[in-house]
Amino acid sequence: MAECKECGNEADKLVSVKVDGKAKKMCEDCADRVREEAEVAKESESVIQGMMGFKGRR
């Protein structure tokens, strides 16, 4: 069994997910959570930039 680098639990299968430009292997539950957090962060950044009138590129 493989061990998840994120939570430390053993998993049958690890999934490779890019986090801050680095690939990390983690269980499916942690991968879903990390993807959700990244999506929320991206959307919140977009809202803040819209409020501030930012017209540049990320």
Protein backbone atom coordinates (compact mmCIF):
# COMPACT_ATOMS: atom_id res chain seq x y z
CA MET A 1 0.00 0.00 0.00
CA ALA A 2 1.13 3.51 -0.78
CA GLU A 3 1.05 6.37 1.71
CA CYS A 4 -0.50 9.75 0.94
CA LYS A 5 1.99 12.62 1.32
CA GLU A 6 -0.80 15.03 2.33
CA CYS A 7 -2.69 13.18 5.09
CA GLY A 8 -0.36 10.26 5.85
CA ASN A 9 -3.05 7.61 5.38
CA GLU A 10 -2.51 4.49 3.32
CA ALA A 11 -4.29 4.40 -0.03
CA ASP A 12 -4.72 1.79 -2.75
CA LYS A 13 -3.93 4.29 -5.47
CA LEU A 14 -2.18 7.66 -5.43
CA VAL A 15 -3.02 10.49 -7.81
CA SER A 16 -0.47 13.02 -9.03
CA VAL A 17 -1.67 16.63 -8.62
CA LYS A 18 0.21 19.85 -9.37
CA VAL A 19 0.31 22.16 -6.35
CA ASP A 20 2.08 25.50 -6.77
CA GLY A 21 3.91 24.15 -9.83
CA LYS A 22 5.10 20.97 -8.11
CA ALA A 23 3.61 17.53 -8.66
CA LYS A 24 2.58 15.78 -5.46
CA LYS A 25 1.18 12.28 -5.06
CA MET A 26 -1.81 12.01 -2.76
CA CYS A 27 -4.94 9.98 -2.21
CA GLU A 28 -8.11 10.75 -4.18
CA ASP A 29 -9.78 12.52 -1.22
CA CYS A 30 -6.86 14.89 -0.68
CA ALA A 31 -6.56 15.49 -4.44
CA ASP A 32 -10.22 16.51 -4.63
CA ARG A 33 -9.82 18.84 -1.65
CA VAL A 34 -6.68 20.46 -3.13
CA ARG A 35 -8.40 20.96 -6.50
CA GLU A 36 -11.39 22.58 -4.78
CA GLU A 37 -9.17 24.91 -2.75
CA ALA A 38 -7.29 25.97 -5.89
CA GLU A 39 -10.54 26.66 -7.73
CA VAL A 40 -11.93 28.75 -4.86
CA ALA A 41 -8.68 30.70 -4.59
CA LYS A 42 -8.70 31.45 -8.32
CA GLU A 43 -12.32 32.64 -8.24
CA SER A 44 -11.79 34.81 -5.16
CA GLU A 45 -8.71 36.39 -6.72
CA SER A 46 -10.76 37.20 -9.83
CA VAL A 47 -13.47 38.87 -7.74
CA ILE A 48 -10.95 40.97 -5.82
CA GLN A 49 -9.21 42.03 -9.03
CA GLY A 50 -12.59 43.00 -10.51
CA MET A 51 -13.41 45.13 -7.47
CA MET A 52 -10.05 46.88 -7.73
CA GLY A 53 -10.38 47.44 -11.47
CA PHE A 54 -7.29 45.36 -12.32
CA LYS A 55 -7.06 44.90 -16.09
CA GLY A 56 -3.69 43.09 -16.38
CA ARG A 57 -2.86 39.46 -16.74
CA ARG A 58 -2.16 37.08 -13.93
